[in-house]
């Protein structure tokens, strides 16, 4: 099974993030995209749990050669639940 888009709205528990990114990331075909909800760019939240979650997402996206084109989005400025990021699968 493969797909072109995966949307991850994680539990935000530190151990689950890597598991979910690894599991769902395998489903994405080369050229496909992963979108992650509740992602915060560095310095945008004081919540330690959300900061750790966002750092793990960023680290996952940047630590593998199979992912690229990391993009941060703020869909509605000032609204907490409008933040997300995406990255594109460049290799299988």
Protein backbone atom coordinates (compact mmCIF):
# COMPACT_ATOMS: atom_id res chain seq x y z
CA UNK A 1 0.00 0.00 0.00
CA UNK A 2 1.28 3.46 -0.82
CA UNK A 3 -0.27 6.90 -0.91
CA UNK A 4 0.62 10.39 -2.04
CA UNK A 5 -0.52 12.27 1.09
CA UNK A 6 -0.47 11.39 4.79
CA UNK A 7 -1.86 13.73 7.44
CA UNK A 8 -0.52 13.04 10.95
CA UNK A 9 -2.36 14.44 13.98
CA UNK A 10 -0.29 12.77 16.69
CA UNK A 11 -0.96 12.10 20.35
CA UNK A 12 1.99 14.43 21.09
CA UNK A 13 3.55 11.86 23.42
CA UNK A 14 7.31 11.92 22.99
CA UNK A 15 7.73 8.21 22.20
CA UNK A 16 4.77 8.09 19.81
CA UNK A 17 6.02 10.76 17.43
CA UNK A 18 8.94 8.75 16.06
CA UNK A 19 6.83 5.58 15.88
CA UNK A 20 4.06 7.32 13.98
CA UNK A 21 6.43 9.11 11.61
CA UNK A 22 8.21 5.83 10.83
CA UNK A 23 4.97 3.86 10.38
CA UNK A 24 3.09 6.39 8.29
CA UNK A 25 6.17 7.58 6.44
CA UNK A 26 6.59 4.11 4.93
CA UNK A 27 3.19 4.46 3.27
CA UNK A 28 4.20 7.58 1.34
CA UNK A 29 5.29 7.02 -2.25
CA UNK A 30 8.30 8.95 -3.60
CA UNK A 31 7.04 12.41 -4.46
CA UNK A 32 4.30 12.11 -1.82
CA UNK A 33 3.85 14.43 1.14
CA UNK A 34 3.48 14.12 4.91
CA UNK A 35 1.58 16.89 6.68
CA UNK A 36 1.90 17.16 10.47
CA UNK A 37 -0.70 19.00 12.57
CA UNK A 38 0.07 20.96 15.76
CA UNK A 39 3.64 21.59 14.70
CA UNK A 40 5.33 24.68 16.15
CA UNK A 41 8.34 26.41 14.57
CA UNK A 42 11.21 27.03 16.99
CA UNK A 43 10.40 29.68 19.58
CA UNK A 44 6.64 29.76 18.94
CA UNK A 45 5.41 27.89 22.03
CA UNK A 46 6.16 27.88 25.74
CA UNK A 47 4.58 24.44 26.17
CA UNK A 48 7.47 22.02 26.80
CA UNK A 49 5.56 19.01 25.46
CA UNK A 50 4.64 20.72 22.20
CA UNK A 51 8.19 22.02 21.85
CA UNK A 52 9.56 18.48 22.25
CA UNK A 53 6.99 17.11 19.79
CA UNK A 54 7.83 19.77 17.18
CA UNK A 55 11.57 19.23 17.67
CA UNK A 56 11.10 15.50 17.06
CA UNK A 57 9.14 16.14 13.86
CA UNK A 58 11.84 18.57 12.63
CA UNK A 59 14.59 16.10 13.52
CA UNK A 60 12.83 13.24 11.75
CA UNK A 61 12.35 15.29 8.59
CA UNK A 62 15.95 16.46 8.49
CA UNK A 63 17.77 13.31 9.63
CA UNK A 64 16.96 11.10 6.65
CA UNK A 65 18.02 11.43 3.04
CA UNK A 66 14.61 10.17 1.92
CA UNK A 67 12.83 13.36 3.05
CA UNK A 68 13.20 16.88 1.71
CA UNK A 69 11.39 20.16 1.06
CA UNK A 70 10.49 20.78 4.71
CA UNK A 71 7.94 23.63 4.93
CA UNK A 72 6.32 25.32 7.95
CA UNK A 73 2.80 26.75 7.61
CA UNK A 74 0.74 29.16 9.69
CA UNK A 75 -2.67 28.90 8.05
CA UNK A 76 -4.37 31.47 10.26
CA UNK A 77 -1.99 33.78 12.12
CA UNK A 78 -2.50 33.75 15.88
CA UNK A 79 -4.69 30.62 15.91
CA UNK A 80 -2.97 27.76 17.74
CA UNK A 81 -4.53 24.88 15.78
CA UNK A 82 -3.62 26.35 12.39
CA UNK A 83 0.08 25.45 12.58
CA UNK A 84 1.46 22.55 10.60
CA UNK A 85 4.43 21.45 8.55
CA UNK A 86 5.05 19.21 5.58
CA UNK A 87 7.89 17.32 4.01
CA UNK A 88 8.20 15.50 0.72
CA UNK A 89 9.45 11.97 0.25
CA UNK A 90 12.33 12.10 -2.22
CA UNK A 91 13.36 8.42 -2.19
CA UNK A 92 11.94 5.01 -1.30
